[in-house]
Amino acid sequence: MKTLIHLFVSLTIAAAVPAALAQQAWSPSRNVEIVVGSAPGGSNDKTARTVEKAIVEGKLIPTSLTVVNRPGGGSSIAFNYVSQKKGDPHTLLIGTTALLTNHIVGSSPLSYMDFTPVASLFNDYVVFAVNVNSPIKTGKDLIAKLKENPQSVSIGFATTLGSHNHIAAGLLAKSVGVNARNLKAIAFKGSAEAVTQVLGGHIDMVTTAAGNVASHLAEGRLRVIGVSSDKRFPGAFAQVPTWKEQGANLVYGGWRAIMAPKDITPAQVAYWEGVLRKVASTPEWKADLDKNYWSDDFVGSAQFSKDIAKDYNDIKAVLVDIGLAKQ
């Protein structure tokens, strides 16, 4: 009997080993999609294409990889698409704080809990930019106008009311004693569209990622009047003061992450986290971080899963102040 038991245990272990090894050895077997919830040209799209380039050029996966833009609904169209791919590790999503804000404001039933956090790639601080011919010359000019009449400045951003770009504007208002609910806020499908509206003089200001306005700043078409980081940016932004330098207690940015559908396996999460760590360690990636003024702070799946839960509660508190929270 003892011999039979030992034989049974040995056979069970032998059967389990190939399955475990198969899980550990998982890799993509067909084309992988990186889904972006905004139009081409904005910072979310830049993130996807930067990741795509690093993976393809480094031959980090054995299959092809494509970026798929599904703009609309403040990224909700993309979120819905990816959420329907439950258990499919061949679909990845550029995750942003819109995953949190869309649920909090009630524009989407989906939340971060409907996806698998793979890694947070970096933080993207918000800049405030006006047309070079604008009468708003400095951040203090903007603060004065907002205090006099919050509706006197039209503020454009991507991709929806309650987005992290909107939150940045609301936090600025709140920090200087202006009711954030009274701001004249206008949402566009992508940051590129919002920037174009400022360039054309159709709106007064855009809140967006630094990389989206850097070339316009360097070429004298836009004036950046404040940045929401805790220290000044280098390069073309070196002369732009932070909001803290201008008397407003505002330090705020939005993370950019890779999410996967719900119910992928731990081995598949580990695979993609490993690929992204390799991406983040390349000189080309670090050069792109510098070029786009993205902060270098990679966070893996386990810690990011904890961070995102805390961020949900923190952002909800802000959106209550702005008057947009429904959840």
Protein backbone atom coordinates (compact mmCIF):
# COMPACT_ATOMS: atom_id res chain seq x y z
CA MET A 1 0.00 0.00 0.00
CA LYS A 2 2.80 2.37 0.90
CA THR A 3 4.44 1.72 -2.46
CA LEU A 4 1.17 2.45 -4.27
CA ILE A 5 0.76 5.74 -2.38
CA HIS A 6 4.30 6.78 -3.23
CA LEU A 7 3.65 5.87 -6.87
CA PHE A 8 0.42 7.88 -6.90
CA VAL A 9 2.13 10.94 -5.38
CA SER A 10 5.03 10.65 -7.83
CA LEU A 11 2.69 10.44 -10.80
CA THR A 12 0.67 13.44 -9.53
CA ILE A 13 3.80 15.53 -9.13
CA ALA A 14 5.07 14.43 -12.54
CA ALA A 15 1.79 15.47 -14.14
CA ALA A 16 1.81 18.85 -12.37
CA VAL A 17 5.37 19.78 -13.32
CA PRO A 18 4.76 20.20 -17.09
CA ALA A 19 1.69 22.34 -16.36
CA ALA A 20 3.70 24.57 -13.99
CA LEU A 21 6.54 24.83 -16.48
CA ALA A 22 4.07 25.69 -19.23
CA GLN A 23 2.71 28.54 -17.11
CA GLN A 24 6.19 29.84 -16.34
CA ALA A 25 7.12 29.65 -20.01
CA TRP A 26 4.10 31.62 -21.25
CA SER A 27 4.67 34.15 -24.01
CA PRO A 28 2.40 35.72 -26.63
CA SER A 29 1.36 33.42 -29.46
CA ARG A 30 -0.33 35.98 -31.73
CA ASN A 31 -0.45 39.72 -32.39
CA VAL A 32 -0.61 41.90 -29.28
CA GLU A 33 -2.71 45.08 -29.20
CA ILE A 34 -1.91 48.13 -27.10
CA VAL A 35 -5.20 50.01 -26.88
CA VAL A 36 -5.26 53.80 -26.44
CA GLY A 37 -8.38 55.65 -25.30
CA SER A 38 -7.57 58.89 -27.13
CA ALA A 39 -6.81 60.10 -30.62
CA PRO A 40 -3.32 59.94 -32.19
CA GLY A 41 -0.94 62.73 -31.20
CA GLY A 42 -1.66 63.11 -27.50
CA SER A 43 0.42 61.94 -24.57
CA ASN A 44 -1.46 58.64 -24.16
CA ASP A 45 -0.80 57.82 -27.80
CA LYS A 46 2.86 58.83 -27.42
CA THR A 47 3.16 56.46 -24.47
CA ALA A 48 1.78 53.53 -26.46
CA ARG A 49 4.01 54.18 -29.45
CA THR A 50 7.10 54.64 -27.28
CA VAL A 51 6.42 51.28 -25.60
CA GLU A 52 5.71 49.68 -28.99
CA LYS A 53 8.96 51.00 -30.45
CA ALA A 54 11.06 49.74 -27.53
CA ILE A 55 9.48 46.28 -27.61
CA VAL A 56 9.72 45.88 -31.37
CA GLU A 57 13.24 47.26 -31.77
CA GLY A 58 14.46 45.26 -28.77
CA LYS A 59 12.70 42.11 -30.02
CA LEU A 60 11.34 41.65 -26.51
CA ILE A 61 8.36 39.52 -27.57
CA PRO A 62 8.10 36.76 -30.20
CA THR A 63 5.05 38.20 -32.00
CA SER A 64 3.92 41.39 -33.71
CA LEU A 65 2.57 44.36 -31.76
CA THR A 66 0.16 47.07 -32.88
CA VAL A 67 -1.19 50.27 -31.34
CA VAL A 68 -4.96 50.64 -31.66
CA ASN A 69 -6.61 54.03 -31.03
CA ARG A 70 -10.19 53.86 -29.74
CA PRO A 71 -11.01 57.46 -28.76
CA GLY A 72 -14.27 58.66 -27.31
CA GLY A 73 -16.20 58.82 -24.09
CA GLY A 74 -13.20 60.03 -22.12
CA SER A 75 -11.44 56.71 -22.83
CA SER A 76 -14.57 54.71 -21.96
CA ILE A 77 -14.75 53.20 -25.44
CA ALA A 78 -11.25 51.79 -25.03
CA PHE A 79 -11.98 50.62 -21.49
CA ASN A 80 -15.13 48.81 -22.65
CA TYR A 81 -13.23 47.15 -25.49
CA VAL A 82 -10.46 45.84 -23.24
CA SER A 83 -12.85 44.78 -20.47
CA GLN A 84 -14.53 42.45 -22.96
CA LYS A 85 -11.20 40.64 -23.49
CA LYS A 86 -11.33 39.02 -20.05
CA GLY A 87 -8.54 36.48 -19.62
CA ASP A 88 -6.79 37.51 -22.86
CA PRO A 89 -3.13 38.49 -22.26
CA HIS A 90 -2.75 39.58 -25.90
CA THR A 91 -4.62 42.84 -25.22
CA LEU A 92 -3.00 45.63 -23.23
CA LEU A 93 -4.36 49.05 -22.30
CA ILE A 94 -2.71 52.40 -21.72
CA GLY A 95 -4.11 53.03 -18.26
CA THR A 96 -4.52 56.52 -16.86
CA THR A 97 -6.32 58.10 -13.94
CA ALA A 98 -9.37 58.18 -16.26
CA LEU A 99 -9.92 54.61 -15.05
CA LEU A 100 -10.62 56.15 -11.67
CA THR A 101 -12.25 59.44 -12.60
CA ASN A 102 -14.69 58.01 -15.15
CA HIS A 103 -16.08 55.69 -12.49
CA ILE A 104 -16.18 58.38 -9.81
CA VAL A 105 -18.06 60.87 -12.02
CA GLY A 106 -20.44 58.18 -13.23
CA SER A 107 -19.52 58.24 -16.91
CA SER A 108 -18.47 54.57 -16.86
CA PRO A 109 -19.53 51.57 -14.77
CA LEU A 110 -15.99 50.21 -15.12
CA SER A 111 -13.30 50.88 -12.54
CA TYR A 112 -9.70 49.84 -11.98
CA MET A 113 -11.02 46.64 -10.37
CA ASP A 114 -12.23 45.49 -13.80
CA PHE A 115 -8.64 45.31 -15.09
CA THR A 116 -5.30 43.84 -14.09
CA PRO A 117 -2.62 46.41 -13.16
CA VAL A 118 0.66 45.36 -14.80
CA ALA A 119 2.94 48.34 -14.15
CA SER A 120 2.91 52.11 -13.72
CA LEU A 121 5.45 53.50 -16.18
CA PHE A 122 5.87 57.13 -15.09
CA ASN A 123 4.11 60.25 -13.83
CA ASP A 124 3.13 63.04 -16.18
CA TYR A 125 2.89 66.48 -14.58
CA VAL A 126 0.48 69.05 -15.96
CA VAL A 127 1.44 72.35 -17.60
CA PHE A 128 -0.80 75.38 -18.15
CA ALA A 129 -0.31 77.02 -21.56
CA VAL A 130 -1.81 80.02 -23.35
CA ASN A 131 -1.43 81.53 -26.80
CA VAL A 132 1.69 83.66 -27.06
CA ASN A 133 -0.56 86.67 -27.79
CA SER A 134 -2.70 86.11 -24.71
CA PRO A 135 -3.01 88.95 -22.19
CA ILE A 136 -2.28 86.30 -19.54
CA LYS A 137 1.49 86.65 -19.21
CA THR A 138 2.15 84.79 -15.95
CA GLY A 139 0.57 82.38 -13.53
CA LYS A 140 -0.19 85.31 -11.24
CA ASP A 141 -2.14 86.95 -14.07
CA LEU A 142 -4.23 83.80 -14.40
CA ILE A 143 -4.85 83.64 -10.66
CA ALA A 144 -6.00 87.28 -10.66
CA LYS A 145 -8.43 86.66 -13.55
CA LEU A 146 -9.85 83.55 -11.92
CA LYS A 147 -10.39 85.41 -8.65
CA GLU A 148 -12.13 88.24 -10.49
CA ASN A 149 -14.30 85.93 -12.63
CA PRO A 150 -13.66 82.17 -12.99
CA GLN A 151 -15.75 82.15 -16.18
CA SER A 152 -13.44 84.67 -17.88
CA VAL A 153 -10.89 81.99 -18.82
CA SER A 154 -11.91 79.06 -21.01
CA ILE A 155 -9.80 76.02 -20.12
CA GLY A 156 -9.45 73.10 -22.53
CA PHE A 157 -8.08 69.64 -21.83
CA ALA A 158 -8.38 65.95 -22.72
CA THR A 159 -10.31 63.78 -22.54
CA THR A 160 -13.35 64.38 -20.35
CA LEU A 161 -14.67 66.44 -17.46
CA GLY A 162 -13.03 65.09 -14.33
CA SER A 163 -9.84 64.01 -16.12
CA HIS A 164 -6.50 64.55 -14.40
CA ASN A 165 -5.98 67.66 -16.57
CA HIS A 166 -9.30 69.02 -15.29
CA ILE A 167 -8.39 68.05 -11.74
CA ALA A 168 -5.15 70.06 -12.07
CA ALA A 169 -7.13 73.17 -13.02
CA GLY A 170 -9.56 72.55 -10.18
CA LEU A 171 -6.75 72.13 -7.66
CA LEU A 172 -5.20 75.40 -8.81
CA ALA A 173 -8.50 77.18 -8.32
CA LYS A 174 -9.04 75.64 -4.90
CA SER A 175 -5.50 76.52 -3.78
CA VAL A 176 -6.12 80.24 -4.44
CA GLY A 177 -9.60 80.40 -2.95
CA VAL A 178 -11.65 80.08 -6.15
CA ASN A 179 -14.61 77.69 -6.32
CA ALA A 180 -13.47 74.99 -8.75
CA ARG A 181 -17.08 74.33 -9.76
CA ASN A 182 -17.22 77.75 -11.42
CA LEU A 183 -14.39 77.18 -13.90
CA LYS A 184 -15.18 77.36 -17.63
CA ALA A 185 -13.95 73.86 -18.46
CA ILE A 186 -14.09 72.32 -21.95
CA ALA A 187 -13.19 68.69 -22.71
CA PHE A 188 -11.71 67.54 -26.03
CA LYS A 189 -11.14 64.02 -27.42
CA GLY A 190 -7.36 64.44 -27.31
CA SER A 191 -4.74 66.88 -26.07
CA ALA A 192 -3.63 67.63 -29.63
CA GLU A 193 -7.10 69.00 -30.38
CA ALA A 194 -7.11 71.13 -27.24
CA VAL A 195 -3.67 72.56 -28.09
CA THR A 196 -4.87 73.38 -31.62
CA GLN A 197 -7.80 75.31 -30.16
CA VAL A 198 -5.44 77.43 -28.07
CA LEU A 199 -3.16 78.04 -31.03
CA GLY A 200 -6.17 79.19 -33.05
CA GLY A 201 -7.37 81.53 -30.31
CA HIS A 202 -10.64 79.63 -29.80
CA ILE A 203 -9.99 78.93 -26.11
CA ASP A 204 -7.83 80.78 -23.59
CA MET A 205 -5.76 78.02 -22.05
CA VAL A 206 -4.92 74.33 -22.15
CA THR A 207 -3.89 72.06 -19.29
CA THR A 208 -1.89 69.14 -20.66
CA ALA A 209 1.34 67.19 -20.57
CA ALA A 210 4.56 69.14 -21.11
CA GLY A 211 5.52 67.05 -24.11
CA ASN A 212 2.37 68.13 -25.94
CA VAL A 213 3.37 71.81 -25.96
CA ALA A 214 7.18 71.71 -25.82
CA SER A 215 7.71 72.37 -29.54
CA HIS A 216 5.14 75.19 -29.57
CA LEU A 217 6.85 76.77 -26.57
CA ALA A 218 10.30 76.51 -28.17
CA GLU A 219 9.01 78.02 -31.43
CA GLY A 220 7.22 80.90 -29.71
CA ARG A 221 3.62 79.94 -30.46
CA LEU A 222 2.57 79.16 -26.90
CA ARG A 223 3.47 80.56 -23.50
CA VAL A 224 3.57 78.16 -20.54
CA ILE A 225 2.65 80.06 -17.37
CA GLY A 226 3.02 77.33 -14.76
CA VAL A 227 3.88 73.67 -14.17
CA SER A 228 2.37 71.39 -11.53
CA SER A 229 5.61 69.63 -10.60
CA ASP A 230 7.56 70.28 -7.41
CA LYS A 231 10.52 71.63 -9.35
CA ARG A 232 11.10 73.31 -12.71
CA PHE A 233 11.42 71.30 -15.89
CA PRO A 234 14.66 71.48 -17.89
CA GLY A 235 15.17 72.55 -21.49
CA ALA A 236 12.53 74.75 -23.08
CA PHE A 237 10.67 74.93 -19.75
CA ALA A 238 13.64 76.06 -17.65
CA GLN A 239 12.29 79.60 -17.32
CA VAL A 240 8.75 78.49 -16.42
CA PRO A 241 8.10 78.70 -12.67
CA THR A 242 6.23 76.04 -10.73
CA TRP A 243 2.87 76.95 -9.25
CA LYS A 244 4.40 76.81 -5.79
CA GLU A 245 6.83 79.54 -6.86
CA GLN A 246 3.82 81.66 -7.81
CA GLY A 247 1.97 81.32 -4.52
CA ALA A 248 -0.31 78.36 -5.36
CA ASN A 249 0.10 75.11 -3.44
CA LEU A 250 -0.24 72.80 -6.43
CA VAL A 251 1.85 69.69 -7.14
CA TYR A 252 -0.07 67.17 -9.19
CA GLY A 253 0.49 64.70 -12.03
CA GLY A 254 -1.14 61.66 -13.55
CA TRP A 255 0.39 58.21 -13.84
CA ARG A 256 0.60 56.40 -17.15
CA ALA A 257 0.37 52.63 -16.85
CA ILE A 258 -0.10 49.36 -18.66
CA MET A 259 -3.22 47.45 -17.70
CA ALA A 260 -4.42 44.05 -18.92
CA PRO A 261 -7.88 42.50 -18.96
CA LYS A 262 -9.21 40.93 -15.81
CA ASP A 263 -8.44 37.27 -15.02
CA ILE A 264 -5.13 36.86 -16.80
CA THR A 265 -2.81 34.46 -14.94
CA PRO A 266 -0.04 35.47 -12.52
CA ALA A 267 2.48 34.06 -15.00
CA GLN A 268 1.11 36.33 -17.72
CA VAL A 269 1.24 39.36 -15.43
CA ALA A 270 4.84 38.49 -14.55
CA TYR A 271 5.72 38.10 -18.23
CA TRP A 272 4.43 41.55 -19.18
CA GLU A 273 5.91 43.20 -16.10
CA GLY A 274 9.27 41.68 -17.05
CA VAL A 275 8.98 42.98 -20.61
CA LEU A 276 8.10 46.46 -19.38
CA ARG A 277 11.00 46.47 -16.92
CA LYS A 278 13.30 45.75 -19.86
CA VAL A 279 11.66 48.61 -21.80
CA ALA A 280 12.15 50.98 -18.86
CA SER A 281 15.84 50.09 -18.59
CA THR A 282 16.77 50.95 -22.17
CA PRO A 283 18.65 54.17 -22.99
CA GLU A 284 16.05 54.89 -25.67
CA TRP A 285 13.21 54.80 -23.12
CA LYS A 286 15.08 57.08 -20.75
CA ALA A 287 15.74 59.47 -23.63
CA ASP A 288 12.01 59.49 -24.42
CA LEU A 289 11.22 60.21 -20.76
CA ASP A 290 13.51 63.23 -20.91
CA LYS A 291 12.12 64.38 -24.27
CA ASN A 292 8.52 64.23 -23.04
CA TYR A 293 9.27 65.52 -19.51
CA TRP A 294 7.97 62.29 -17.96
CA SER A 295 9.22 61.36 -14.49
CA ASP A 296 11.20 58.13 -14.18
CA ASP A 297 9.36 56.12 -11.51
CA PHE A 298 8.47 52.61 -12.66
CA VAL A 299 6.23 50.65 -10.24
CA GLY A 300 5.55 46.93 -10.59
CA SER A 301 2.21 45.15 -10.43
CA ALA A 302 2.07 44.30 -6.72
CA GLN A 303 2.83 47.82 -5.46
CA PHE A 304 0.86 49.52 -8.23
CA SER A 305 -2.24 47.50 -7.25
CA LYS A 306 -1.99 49.02 -3.76
CA ASP A 307 -1.22 52.53 -5.02
CA ILE A 308 -4.16 52.61 -7.40
CA ALA A 309 -6.64 51.82 -4.62
CA LYS A 310 -5.32 54.75 -2.56
CA ASP A 311 -5.38 57.04 -5.60
CA TYR A 312 -9.05 56.22 -6.14
CA ASN A 313 -9.96 57.54 -2.69
CA ASP A 314 -7.72 60.61 -3.01
CA ILE A 315 -9.08 61.57 -6.43
CA LYS A 316 -12.65 61.02 -5.31
CA ALA A 317 -12.12 63.62 -2.58
CA VAL A 318 -10.94 66.15 -5.21
CA LEU A 319 -13.87 65.44 -7.52
CA VAL A 320 -16.28 65.96 -4.65
CA ASP A 321 -14.81 69.47 -4.31
CA ILE A 322 -15.18 70.08 -8.05
CA GLY A 323 -18.77 68.88 -7.83
CA LEU A 324 -18.45 65.97 -10.22
CA ALA A 325 -18.37 62.91 -7.97
CA LYS A 326 -21.33 60.57 -8.41
CA GLN A 327 -19.90 57.42 -6.77
